């Protein structure tokens, strides 16, 4: 099994609207169609950063994790799920549109336990 960690830096001025959109529109569809293990939004508590300085955006403010059998399953599934008319209707309501995603990162991990 692999885990896809999706980190987004979403436009801070639209952050509350995004959280409402995610809770009230996006999550039901995503959970029905993907193995969503969790979906988190940052709190007002500042992150603790050690080591090298971050860029001007800072750390991601939205994180969610999807479990996959393998990368082949991910490639076969994700494009279909995001291309579906139901998702397209939901996604058109994301606050500020696609431009509000100032940075996105998808990384793939495996469990070490």
PDB file of N, CA and C in Angstrom:
ATOM      1  N   UNK A   1       0.843  -1.178   0.000  1.00  0.00           N
ATOM      2  CA  UNK A   1       0.000   0.000   0.000  1.00  0.00           C
ATOM      3  C   UNK A   1       0.888   1.241   0.000  1.00  0.00           C
ATOM      4  N   UNK A   2       0.453   2.262  -0.741  1.00  0.00           N
ATOM      5  CA  UNK A   2       1.135   3.554  -0.703  1.00  0.00           C
ATOM      6  C   UNK A   2       0.137   4.604  -0.244  1.00  0.00           C
ATOM      7  N   UNK A   3       0.673   5.704   0.226  1.00  0.00           N
ATOM      8  CA  UNK A   3      -0.144   6.802   0.721  1.00  0.00           C
ATOM      9  C   UNK A   3       0.224   8.057  -0.043  1.00  0.00           C
ATOM     10  N   UNK A   4      -0.781   8.709  -0.596  1.00  0.00           N
ATOM     11  CA  UNK A   4      -0.579   9.975  -1.288  1.00  0.00           C
ATOM     12  C   UNK A   4      -0.906  11.094  -0.316  1.00  0.00           C
ATOM     13  N   UNK A   5       0.082  11.923  -0.044  1.00  0.00           N
ATOM     14  CA  UNK A   5      -0.124  13.075   0.819  1.00  0.00           C
ATOM     15  C   UNK A   5      -0.239  14.288  -0.087  1.00  0.00           C
ATOM     16  N   UNK A   6      -1.406  14.909  -0.051  1.00  0.00           N
ATOM     17  CA  UNK A   6      -1.688  16.068  -0.893  1.00  0.00           C
ATOM     18  C   UNK A   6      -1.643  17.311  -0.010  1.00  0.00           C
ATOM     19  N   UNK A   7      -0.684  18.186  -0.257  1.00  0.00           N
ATOM     20  CA  UNK A   7      -0.537  19.432   0.482  1.00  0.00           C
ATOM     21  C   UNK A   7      -0.866  20.597  -0.437  1.00  0.00           C
ATOM     22  N   UNK A   8      -1.725  21.474   0.023  1.00  0.00           N
ATOM     23  CA  UNK A   8      -2.099  22.663  -0.734  1.00  0.00           C
ATOM     24  C   UNK A   8      -1.795  23.902   0.090  1.00  0.00           C
ATOM     25  N   UNK A   9      -1.305  24.923  -0.572  1.00  0.00           N
ATOM     26  CA  UNK A   9      -1.266  26.246   0.036  1.00  0.00           C
ATOM     27  C   UNK A   9      -2.378  27.013  -0.656  1.00  0.00           C
ATOM     28  N   UNK A  10      -3.484  27.154   0.065  1.00  0.00           N
ATOM     29  CA  UNK A  10      -4.661  27.807  -0.490  1.00  0.00           C
ATOM     30  C   UNK A  10      -4.661  29.272  -0.078  1.00  0.00           C
ATOM     31  N   UNK A  11      -5.134  30.118  -0.958  1.00  0.00           N
ATOM     32  CA  UNK A  11      -5.184  31.567  -0.740  1.00  0.00           C
ATOM     33  C   UNK A  11      -5.768  31.886   0.642  1.00  0.00           C
ATOM     34  N   UNK A  12      -4.977  32.490   1.537  1.00  0.00           N
ATOM     35  CA  UNK A  12      -5.431  32.722   2.909  1.00  0.00           C
ATOM     36  C   UNK A  12      -6.686  33.575   3.036  1.00  0.00           C
ATOM     37  N   UNK A  13      -6.896  34.523   2.130  1.00  0.00           N
ATOM     38  CA  UNK A  13      -8.085  35.376   2.245  1.00  0.00           C
ATOM     39  C   UNK A  13      -9.366  34.610   1.916  1.00  0.00           C
ATOM     40  N   UNK A  14      -9.250  33.443   1.316  1.00  0.00           N
ATOM     41  CA  UNK A  14     -10.409  32.610   0.969  1.00  0.00           C
ATOM     42  C   UNK A  14     -10.430  31.308   1.776  1.00  0.00           C
ATOM     43  N   UNK A  15      -9.587  31.223   2.792  1.00  0.00           N
ATOM     44  CA  UNK A  15      -9.392  29.983   3.526  1.00  0.00           C
ATOM     45  C   UNK A  15     -10.662  29.504   4.231  1.00  0.00           C
ATOM     46  N   UNK A  16     -11.364  30.382   4.903  1.00  0.00           N
ATOM     47  CA  UNK A  16     -12.600  29.981   5.588  1.00  0.00           C
ATOM     48  C   UNK A  16     -13.655  29.506   4.589  1.00  0.00           C
ATOM     49  N   UNK A  17     -13.752  30.195   3.462  1.00  0.00           N
ATOM     50  CA  UNK A  17     -14.694  29.768   2.416  1.00  0.00           C
ATOM     51  C   UNK A  17     -14.290  28.407   1.868  1.00  0.00           C
ATOM     52  N   UNK A  18     -12.980  28.172   1.715  1.00  0.00           N
ATOM     53  CA  UNK A  18     -12.504  26.871   1.244  1.00  0.00           C
ATOM     54  C   UNK A  18     -12.882  25.770   2.220  1.00  0.00           C
ATOM     55  N   UNK A  19     -12.676  25.999   3.508  1.00  0.00           N
ATOM     56  CA  UNK A  19     -13.015  24.975   4.500  1.00  0.00           C
ATOM     57  C   UNK A  19     -14.505  24.645   4.439  1.00  0.00           C
ATOM     58  N   UNK A  20     -15.344  25.645   4.276  1.00  0.00           N
ATOM     59  CA  UNK A  20     -16.782  25.412   4.149  1.00  0.00           C
ATOM     60  C   UNK A  20     -17.094  24.618   2.883  1.00  0.00           C
ATOM     61  N   UNK A  21     -16.483  24.998   1.767  1.00  0.00           N
ATOM     62  CA  UNK A  21     -16.671  24.273   0.506  1.00  0.00           C
ATOM     63  C   UNK A  21     -16.239  22.814   0.656  1.00  0.00           C
ATOM     64  N   UNK A  22     -15.066  22.598   1.261  1.00  0.00           N
ATOM     65  CA  UNK A  22     -14.558  21.234   1.432  1.00  0.00           C
ATOM     66  C   UNK A  22     -15.521  20.405   2.272  1.00  0.00           C
ATOM     67  N   UNK A  23     -15.973  20.947   3.401  1.00  0.00           N
ATOM     68  CA  UNK A  23     -16.873  20.213   4.293  1.00  0.00           C
ATOM     69  C   UNK A  23     -18.241  19.960   3.672  1.00  0.00           C
ATOM     70  N   UNK A  24     -18.792  20.975   3.037  1.00  0.00           N
ATOM     71  CA  UNK A  24     -20.182  20.922   2.594  1.00  0.00           C
ATOM     72  C   UNK A  24     -20.392  20.440   1.167  1.00  0.00           C
ATOM     73  N   UNK A  25     -19.335  20.438   0.363  1.00  0.00           N
ATOM     74  CA  UNK A  25     -19.494  20.022  -1.030  1.00  0.00           C
ATOM     75  C   UNK A  25     -18.524  18.920  -1.450  1.00  0.00           C
ATOM     76  N   UNK A  26     -17.255  19.117  -1.178  1.00  0.00           N
ATOM     77  CA  UNK A  26     -16.239  18.227  -1.744  1.00  0.00           C
ATOM     78  C   UNK A  26     -16.089  16.897  -1.020  1.00  0.00           C
ATOM     79  N   UNK A  27     -16.105  16.909   0.303  1.00  0.00           N
ATOM     80  CA  UNK A  27     -15.747  15.716   1.061  1.00  0.00           C
ATOM     81  C   UNK A  27     -16.649  14.513   0.799  1.00  0.00           C
ATOM     82  N   UNK A  28     -17.933  14.701   0.706  1.00  0.00           N
ATOM     83  CA  UNK A  28     -18.819  13.550   0.487  1.00  0.00           C
ATOM     84  C   UNK A  28     -18.452  12.828  -0.812  1.00  0.00           C
ATOM     85  N   UNK A  29     -18.235  13.589  -1.875  1.00  0.00           N
ATOM     86  CA  UNK A  29     -17.864  12.985  -3.153  1.00  0.00           C
ATOM     87  C   UNK A  29     -16.511  12.291  -3.060  1.00  0.00           C
ATOM     88  N   UNK A  30     -15.526  12.974  -2.488  1.00  0.00           N
ATOM     89  CA  UNK A  30     -14.187  12.401  -2.395  1.00  0.00           C
ATOM     90  C   UNK A  30     -14.194  11.118  -1.575  1.00  0.00           C
ATOM     91  N   UNK A  31     -14.906  11.107  -0.472  1.00  0.00           N
ATOM     92  CA  UNK A  31     -14.945   9.909   0.377  1.00  0.00           C
ATOM     93  C   UNK A  31     -15.690   8.753  -0.288  1.00  0.00           C
ATOM     94  N   UNK A  32     -16.666   9.046  -1.122  1.00  0.00           N
ATOM     95  CA  UNK A  32     -17.376   7.985  -1.852  1.00  0.00           C
ATOM     96  C   UNK A  32     -16.507   7.351  -2.932  1.00  0.00           C
ATOM     97  N   UNK A  33     -15.575   8.123  -3.486  1.00  0.00           N
ATOM     98  CA  UNK A  33     -14.842   7.681  -4.665  1.00  0.00           C
ATOM     99  C   UNK A  33     -13.366   7.380  -4.440  1.00  0.00           C
ATOM    100  N   UNK A  34     -12.839   7.764  -3.282  1.00  0.00           N
ATOM    101  CA  UNK A  34     -11.429   7.554  -2.990  1.00  0.00           C
ATOM    102  C   UNK A  34     -11.289   7.026  -1.563  1.00  0.00           C
ATOM    103  N   UNK A  35     -10.172   6.405  -1.271  1.00  0.00           N
ATOM    104  CA  UNK A  35      -9.881   5.932   0.073  1.00  0.00           C
ATOM    105  C   UNK A  35      -9.229   7.071   0.867  1.00  0.00           C
ATOM    106  N   UNK A  36     -10.044   8.095   1.189  1.00  0.00           N
ATOM    107  CA  UNK A  36      -9.542   9.269   1.917  1.00  0.00           C
ATOM    108  C   UNK A  36      -9.346   8.877   3.377  1.00  0.00           C
ATOM    109  N   UNK A  37      -8.105   8.967   3.830  1.00  0.00           N
ATOM    110  CA  UNK A  37      -7.773   8.600   5.199  1.00  0.00           C
ATOM    111  C   UNK A  37      -7.907   9.780   6.155  1.00  0.00           C
ATOM    112  N   UNK A  38      -7.883  10.980   5.624  1.00  0.00           N
ATOM    113  CA  UNK A  38      -8.055  12.173   6.440  1.00  0.00           C
ATOM    114  C   UNK A  38      -7.922  13.418   5.591  1.00  0.00           C
ATOM    115  N   UNK A  39      -8.521  14.493   6.067  1.00  0.00           N
ATOM    116  CA  UNK A  39      -8.520  15.781   5.356  1.00  0.00           C
ATOM    117  C   UNK A  39      -8.432  16.842   6.443  1.00  0.00           C
ATOM    118  N   UNK A  40      -7.363  17.636   6.431  1.00  0.00           N
ATOM    119  CA  UNK A  40      -7.100  18.565   7.518  1.00  0.00           C
ATOM    120  C   UNK A  40      -6.880  19.979   7.009  1.00  0.00           C
ATOM    121  N   UNK A  41      -7.304  20.943   7.826  1.00  0.00           N
ATOM    122  CA  UNK A  41      -7.051  22.366   7.579  1.00  0.00           C
ATOM    123  C   UNK A  41      -6.272  22.905   8.771  1.00  0.00           C
ATOM    124  N   UNK A  42      -5.298  23.761   8.497  1.00  0.00           N
ATOM    125  CA  UNK A  42      -4.503  24.344   9.570  1.00  0.00           C
ATOM    126  C   UNK A  42      -5.372  25.145  10.528  1.00  0.00           C
ATOM    127  N   UNK A  43      -4.907  25.217  11.759  1.00  0.00           N
ATOM    128  CA  UNK A  43      -5.508  26.084  12.764  1.00  0.00           C
ATOM    129  C   UNK A  43      -4.759  27.422  12.744  1.00  0.00           C
ATOM    130  N   UNK A  44      -5.116  28.317  13.650  1.00  0.00           N
ATOM    131  CA  UNK A  44      -4.435  29.602  13.742  1.00  0.00           C
ATOM    132  C   UNK A  44      -3.065  29.501  14.413  1.00  0.00           C
ATOM    133  N   UNK A  45      -2.757  28.346  14.999  1.00  0.00           N
ATOM    134  CA  UNK A  45      -1.462  28.162  15.640  1.00  0.00           C
ATOM    135  C   UNK A  45      -0.369  28.109  14.578  1.00  0.00           C
ATOM    136  N   UNK A  46       0.648  28.921  14.750  1.00  0.00           N
ATOM    137  CA  UNK A  46       1.733  28.965  13.767  1.00  0.00           C
ATOM    138  C   UNK A  46       2.504  27.646  13.766  1.00  0.00           C
ATOM    139  N   UNK A  47       2.924  27.179  12.581  1.00  0.00           N
ATOM    140  CA  UNK A  47       3.706  25.940  12.524  1.00  0.00           C
ATOM    141  C   UNK A  47       5.087  26.153  13.133  1.00  0.00           C
ATOM    142  N   UNK A  48       5.643  25.086  13.614  1.00  0.00           N
ATOM    143  CA  UNK A  48       7.019  25.108  14.112  1.00  0.00           C
ATOM    144  C   UNK A  48       7.930  24.641  12.984  1.00  0.00           C
ATOM    145  N   UNK A  49       8.828  25.497  12.578  1.00  0.00           N
ATOM    146  CA  UNK A  49       9.728  25.207  11.459  1.00  0.00           C
ATOM    147  C   UNK A  49      11.156  25.192  11.986  1.00  0.00           C
ATOM    148  N   UNK A  50      11.880  24.139  11.696  1.00  0.00           N
ATOM    149  CA  UNK A  50      13.289  24.025  12.073  1.00  0.00           C
ATOM    150  C   UNK A  50      14.115  23.834  10.815  1.00  0.00           C
ATOM    151  N   UNK A  51      15.373  24.154  10.885  1.00  0.00           N
ATOM    152  CA  UNK A  51      16.243  23.974   9.725  1.00  0.00           C
ATOM    153  C   UNK A  51      16.173  25.166   8.787  1.00  0.00           C
ATOM    154  N   UNK A  52      16.259  24.915   7.520  1.00  0.00           N
ATOM    155  CA  UNK A  52      16.290  25.984   6.519  1.00  0.00           C
ATOM    156  C   UNK A  52      14.970  26.744   6.472  1.00  0.00           C
ATOM    157  N   UNK A  53      15.071  28.003   6.164  1.00  0.00           N
ATOM    158  CA  UNK A  53      13.883  28.859   6.067  1.00  0.00           C
ATOM    159  C   UNK A  53      13.005  28.427   4.901  1.00  0.00           C
ATOM    160  N   UNK A  54      11.704  28.614   5.065  1.00  0.00           N
ATOM    161  CA  UNK A  54      10.759  28.308   3.991  1.00  0.00           C
ATOM    162  C   UNK A  54      10.675  29.495   3.044  1.00  0.00           C
ATOM    163  N   UNK A  55      10.038  29.295   1.897  1.00  0.00           N
ATOM    164  CA  UNK A  55       9.840  30.406   0.969  1.00  0.00           C
ATOM    165  C   UNK A  55       8.737  31.322   1.493  1.00  0.00           C
ATOM    166  N   UNK A  56       8.363  32.319   0.703  1.00  0.00           N
ATOM    167  CA  UNK A  56       7.408  33.326   1.161  1.00  0.00           C
ATOM    168  C   UNK A  56       6.007  32.773   1.415  1.00  0.00           C
ATOM    169  N   UNK A  57       5.627  31.657   0.805  1.00  0.00           N
ATOM    170  CA  UNK A  57       4.301  31.080   1.056  1.00  0.00           C
ATOM    171  C   UNK A  57       4.242  30.378   2.410  1.00  0.00           C
ATOM    172  N   UNK A  58       5.343  29.804   2.823  1.00  0.00           N
ATOM    173  CA  UNK A  58       5.329  29.059   4.073  1.00  0.00           C
ATOM    174  C   UNK A  58       4.815  27.649   3.858  1.00  0.00           C
ATOM    175  N   UNK A  59       4.353  27.045   4.956  1.00  0.00           N
ATOM    176  CA  UNK A  59       3.895  25.658   4.874  1.00  0.00           C
ATOM    177  C   UNK A  59       2.470  25.575   4.337  1.00  0.00           C
ATOM    178  N   UNK A  60       2.116  24.399   3.875  1.00  0.00           N
ATOM    179  CA  UNK A  60       0.776  24.157   3.339  1.00  0.00           C
ATOM    180  C   UNK A  60      -0.266  24.413   4.422  1.00  0.00           C
ATOM    181  N   UNK A  61      -1.473  24.821   3.998  1.00  0.00           N
ATOM    182  CA  UNK A  61      -2.551  25.036   4.976  1.00  0.00           C
ATOM    183  C   UNK A  61      -3.677  24.017   4.843  1.00  0.00           C
ATOM    184  N   UNK A  62      -3.601  23.150   3.847  1.00  0.00           N
ATOM    185  CA  UNK A  62      -4.547  22.041   3.672  1.00  0.00           C
ATOM    186  C   UNK A  62      -3.732  20.781   3.400  1.00  0.00           C
ATOM    187  N   UNK A  63      -4.074  19.701   4.066  1.00  0.00           N
ATOM    188  CA  UNK A  63      -3.418  18.414   3.831  1.00  0.00           C
ATOM    189  C   UNK A  63      -4.477  17.330   3.835  1.00  0.00           C
ATOM    190  N   UNK A  64      -4.407  16.442   2.861  1.00  0.00           N
ATOM    191  CA  UNK A  64      -5.232  15.235   2.911  1.00  0.00           C
ATOM    192  C   UNK A  64      -4.448  14.058   2.408  1.00  0.00           C
ATOM    193  N   UNK A  65      -4.873  12.882   2.845  1.00  0.00           N
ATOM    194  CA  UNK A  65      -4.147  11.654   2.531  1.00  0.00           C
ATOM    195  C   UNK A  65      -5.105  10.642   1.926  1.00  0.00           C
ATOM    196  N   UNK A  66      -4.650  10.008   0.848  1.00  0.00           N
ATOM    197  CA  UNK A  66      -5.414   8.962   0.163  1.00  0.00           C
ATOM    198  C   UNK A  66      -4.582   7.687   0.203  1.00  0.00           C
ATOM    199  N   UNK A  67      -5.207   6.578   0.534  1.00  0.00           N
ATOM    200  CA  UNK A  67      -4.539   5.280   0.490  1.00  0.00           C
ATOM    201  C   UNK A  67      -4.793   4.599  -0.845  1.00  0.00           C
ATOM    202  N   UNK A  68      -3.749   4.023  -1.408  1.00  0.00           N
ATOM    203  CA  UNK A  68      -3.823   3.313  -2.688  1.00  0.00           C
ATOM    204  C   UNK A  68      -3.168   1.946  -2.547  1.00  0.00           C
ATOM    205  N   UNK A  69      -3.643   0.991  -3.326  1.00  0.00           N
ATOM    206  CA  UNK A  69      -2.979  -0.315  -3.382  1.00  0.00           C
ATOM    207  C   UNK A  69      -1.572  -0.149  -3.956  1.00  0.00           C
ATOM    208  N   UNK A  70      -1.456   0.686  -5.009  1.00  0.00           N
ATOM    209  CA  UNK A  70      -0.174   0.949  -5.657  1.00  0.00           C
ATOM    210  C   UNK A  70      -0.345   2.138  -6.589  1.00  0.00           C
ATOM    211  N   UNK A  71       0.733   2.581  -7.203  1.00  0.00           N
ATOM    212  CA  UNK A  71       0.689   3.764  -8.078  1.00  0.00           C
ATOM    213  C   UNK A  71      -0.149   3.509  -9.328  1.00  0.00           C
ATOM    214  N   UNK A  72      -0.227   2.260  -9.767  1.00  0.00           N
ATOM    215  CA  UNK A  72      -1.052   1.923 -10.928  1.00  0.00           C
ATOM    216  C   UNK A  72      -2.521   2.184 -10.631  1.00  0.00           C
ATOM    217  N   UNK A  73      -2.980   1.795  -9.450  1.00  0.00           N
ATOM    218  CA  UNK A  73      -4.364   2.072  -9.060  1.00  0.00           C
ATOM    219  C   UNK A  73      -4.602   3.579  -9.009  1.00  0.00           C
ATOM    220  N   UNK A  74      -3.652   4.315  -8.460  1.00  0.00           N
ATOM    221  CA  UNK A  74      -3.804   5.764  -8.368  1.00  0.00           C
ATOM    222  C   UNK A  74      -3.964   6.375  -9.754  1.00  0.00           C
ATOM    223  N   UNK A  75      -3.095   5.981 -10.681  1.00  0.00           N
ATOM    224  CA  UNK A  75      -3.148   6.547 -12.031  1.00  0.00           C
ATOM    225  C   UNK A  75      -4.441   6.179 -12.741  1.00  0.00           C
ATOM    226  N   UNK A  76      -4.947   5.003 -12.508  1.00  0.00           N
ATOM    227  CA  UNK A  76      -6.188   4.563 -13.156  1.00  0.00           C
ATOM    228  C   UNK A  76      -7.417   5.220 -12.558  1.00  0.00           C
ATOM    229  N   UNK A  77      -7.342   5.618 -11.313  1.00  0.00           N
ATOM    230  CA  UNK A  77      -8.518   6.101 -10.600  1.00  0.00           C
ATOM    231  C   UNK A  77      -8.633   7.615 -10.542  1.00  0.00           C
ATOM    232  N   UNK A  78      -7.566   8.304 -10.190  1.00  0.00           N
ATOM    233  CA  UNK A  78      -7.664   9.724  -9.870  1.00  0.00           C
ATOM    234  C   UNK A  78      -8.143  10.563 -11.048  1.00  0.00           C
ATOM    235  N   UNK A  79      -7.602  10.348 -12.233  1.00  0.00           N
ATOM    236  CA  UNK A  79      -8.044  11.124 -13.392  1.00  0.00           C
ATOM    237  C   UNK A  79      -9.537  10.920 -13.656  1.00  0.00           C
ATOM    238  N   UNK A  80      -9.995   9.676 -13.529  1.00  0.00           N
ATOM    239  CA  UNK A  80     -11.425   9.384 -13.745  1.00  0.00           C
ATOM    240  C   UNK A  80     -12.289  10.092 -12.714  1.00  0.00           C
ATOM    241  N   UNK A  81     -11.889  10.048 -11.462  1.00  0.00           N
ATOM    242  CA  UNK A  81     -12.669  10.666 -10.384  1.00  0.00           C
ATOM    243  C   UNK A  81     -12.738  12.179 -10.576  1.00  0.00           C
ATOM    244  N   UNK A  82     -11.605  12.812 -10.915  1.00  0.00           N
ATOM    245  CA  UNK A  82     -11.587  14.264 -11.078  1.00  0.00           C
ATOM    246  C   UNK A  82     -12.215  14.722 -12.398  1.00  0.00           C
ATOM    247  N   UNK A  83     -12.321  13.838 -13.383  1.00  0.00           N
ATOM    248  CA  UNK A  83     -12.944  14.193 -14.666  1.00  0.00           C
ATOM    249  C   UNK A  83     -14.456  13.978 -14.664  1.00  0.00           C
ATOM    250  N   UNK A  84     -14.984  13.318 -13.668  1.00  0.00           N
ATOM    251  CA  UNK A  84     -16.418  13.007 -13.625  1.00  0.00           C
ATOM    252  C   UNK A  84     -17.254  14.287 -13.566  1.00  0.00           C
ATOM    253  N   UNK A  85     -18.387  14.300 -14.256  1.00  0.00           N
ATOM    254  CA  UNK A  85     -19.259  15.478 -14.238  1.00  0.00           C
ATOM    255  C   UNK A  85     -19.658  15.923 -12.825  1.00  0.00           C
ATOM    256  N   UNK A  86     -19.878  14.971 -11.921  1.00  0.00           N
ATOM    257  CA  UNK A  86     -20.254  15.353 -10.555  1.00  0.00           C
ATOM    258  C   UNK A  86     -19.132  16.153  -9.886  1.00  0.00           C
ATOM    259  N   UNK A  87     -17.870  15.713 -10.038  1.00  0.00           N
ATOM    260  CA  UNK A  87     -16.760  16.454  -9.452  1.00  0.00           C
ATOM    261  C   UNK A  87     -16.593  17.806 -10.133  1.00  0.00           C
ATOM    262  N   UNK A  88     -16.727  17.841 -11.428  1.00  0.00           N
ATOM    263  CA  UNK A  88     -16.597  19.111 -12.150  1.00  0.00           C
ATOM    264  C   UNK A  88     -17.620  20.137 -11.649  1.00  0.00           C
ATOM    265  N   UNK A  89     -18.843  19.685 -11.377  1.00  0.00           N
ATOM    266  CA  UNK A  89     -19.873  20.585 -10.839  1.00  0.00           C
ATOM    267  C   UNK A  89     -19.511  21.073  -9.441  1.00  0.00           C
ATOM    268  N   UNK A  90     -18.916  20.211  -8.638  1.00  0.00           N
ATOM    269  CA  UNK A  90     -18.483  20.590  -7.289  1.00  0.00           C
ATOM    270  C   UNK A  90     -17.285  21.532  -7.373  1.00  0.00           C
ATOM    271  N   UNK A  91     -16.304  21.181  -8.194  1.00  0.00           N
ATOM    272  CA  UNK A  91     -15.053  21.936  -8.244  1.00  0.00           C
ATOM    273  C   UNK A  91     -15.245  23.340  -8.804  1.00  0.00           C
ATOM    274  N   UNK A  92     -16.255  23.547  -9.624  1.00  0.00           N
ATOM    275  CA  UNK A  92     -16.468  24.899 -10.158  1.00  0.00           C
ATOM    276  C   UNK A  92     -16.829  25.888  -9.055  1.00  0.00           C
ATOM    277  N   UNK A  93     -17.181  25.370  -7.875  1.00  0.00           N
ATOM    278  CA  UNK A  93     -17.534  26.227  -6.746  1.00  0.00           C
ATOM    279  C   UNK A  93     -16.379  26.485  -5.786  1.00  0.00           C
ATOM    280  N   UNK A  94     -15.192  25.964  -6.078  1.00  0.00           N
ATOM    281  CA  UNK A  94     -14.067  26.212  -5.176  1.00  0.00           C
ATOM    282  C   UNK A  94     -13.843  27.728  -5.103  1.00  0.00           C
ATOM    283  N   UNK A  95     -13.747  28.269  -3.900  1.00  0.00           N
ATOM    284  CA  UNK A  95     -13.626  29.724  -3.760  1.00  0.00           C
ATOM    285  C   UNK A  95     -12.437  30.302  -4.529  1.00  0.00           C
ATOM    286  N   UNK A  96     -12.709  31.214  -5.427  1.00  0.00           N
ATOM    287  CA  UNK A  96     -11.661  31.856  -6.208  1.00  0.00           C
ATOM    288  C   UNK A  96     -11.160  31.046  -7.386  1.00  0.00           C
ATOM    289  N   UNK A  97     -11.680  29.847  -7.574  1.00  0.00           N
ATOM    290  CA  UNK A  97     -11.261  29.016  -8.695  1.00  0.00           C
ATOM    291  C   UNK A  97      -9.878  28.424  -8.507  1.00  0.00           C
ATOM    292  N   UNK A  98      -9.386  27.806  -9.553  1.00  0.00           N
ATOM    293  CA  UNK A  98      -8.107  27.093  -9.521  1.00  0.00           C
ATOM    294  C   UNK A  98      -6.951  28.008  -9.125  1.00  0.00           C
ATOM    295  N   UNK A  99      -7.058  29.291  -9.425  1.00  0.00           N
ATOM    296  CA  UNK A  99      -5.998  30.236  -9.088  1.00  0.00           C
ATOM    297  C   UNK A  99      -5.802  30.433  -7.596  1.00  0.00           C
ATOM    298  N   UNK A 100      -6.757  30.000  -6.783  1.00  0.00           N
ATOM    299  CA  UNK A 100      -6.627  30.123  -5.327  1.00  0.00           C
ATOM    300  C   UNK A 100      -5.691  29.068  -4.739  1.00  0.00           C
ATOM    301  N   UNK A 101      -5.352  28.058  -5.526  1.00  0.00           N
ATOM    302  CA  UNK A 101      -4.358  27.082  -5.105  1.00  0.00           C
ATOM    303  C   UNK A 101      -2.992  27.670  -5.464  1.00  0.00           C
ATOM    304  N   UNK A 102      -2.341  28.289  -4.487  1.00  0.00           N
ATOM    305  CA  UNK A 102      -1.071  28.954  -4.754  1.00  0.00           C
ATOM    306  C   UNK A 102       0.074  27.970  -4.920  1.00  0.00           C
ATOM    307  N   UNK A 103      -0.081  26.798  -4.298  1.00  0.00           N
ATOM    308  CA  UNK A 103       0.889  25.717  -4.499  1.00  0.00           C
ATOM    309  C   UNK A 103       0.193  24.406  -4.160  1.00  0.00           C
ATOM    310  N   UNK A 104       0.491  23.381  -4.935  1.00  0.00           N
ATOM    311  CA  UNK A 104       0.009  22.041  -4.619  1.00  0.00           C
ATOM    312  C   UNK A 104       1.211  21.091  -4.661  1.00  0.00           C
ATOM    313  N   UNK A 105       1.160  20.121  -3.794  1.00  0.00           N
ATOM    314  CA  UNK A 105       2.218  19.114  -3.748  1.00  0.00           C
ATOM    315  C   UNK A 105       1.572  17.767  -3.477  1.00  0.00           C
ATOM    316  N   UNK A 106       1.896  16.791  -4.270  1.00  0.00           N
ATOM    317  CA  UNK A 106       1.462  15.413  -4.036  1.00  0.00           C
ATOM    318  C   UNK A 106       2.723  14.586  -3.890  1.00  0.00           C
ATOM    319  N   UNK A 107       2.836  13.907  -2.754  1.00  0.00           N
ATOM    320  CA  UNK A 107       3.979  13.028  -2.574  1.00  0.00           C
ATOM    321  C   UNK A 107       3.482  11.669  -2.172  1.00  0.00           C
ATOM    322  N   UNK A 108       4.282  10.662  -2.462  1.00  0.00           N
ATOM    323  CA  UNK A 108       3.885   9.286  -2.278  1.00  0.00           C
ATOM    324  C   UNK A 108       4.784   8.641  -1.230  1.00  0.00           C
ATOM    325  N   UNK A 109       4.163   8.016  -0.254  1.00  0.00           N
ATOM    326  CA  UNK A 109       4.907   7.468   0.870  1.00  0.00           C
ATOM    327  C   UNK A 109       4.523   6.015   1.103  1.00  0.00           C
ATOM    328  N   UNK A 110       5.364   5.341   1.849  1.00  0.00           N
ATOM    329  CA  UNK A 110       5.077   3.974   2.264  1.00  0.00           C
ATOM    330  C   UNK A 110       5.248   3.903   3.776  1.00  0.00           C
ATOM    331  N   UNK A 111       4.542   3.012   4.388  1.00  0.00           N
ATOM    332  CA  UNK A 111       4.634   2.844   5.828  1.00  0.00           C
ATOM    333  C   UNK A 111       5.928   2.142   6.190  1.00  0.00           C
ATOM    334  N   UNK A 112       6.570   2.600   7.232  1.00  0.00           N
ATOM    335  CA  UNK A 112       7.771   1.958   7.735  1.00  0.00           C
ATOM    336  C   UNK A 112       7.493   1.096   8.957  1.00  0.00           C
ATOM    337  N   UNK A 113       6.222   0.981   9.323  1.00  0.00           N
ATOM    338  CA  UNK A 113       5.870   0.138  10.469  1.00  0.00           C
ATOM    339  C   UNK A 113       5.137  -1.104  10.031  1.00  0.00           C
TER     340      UNK A 113
END
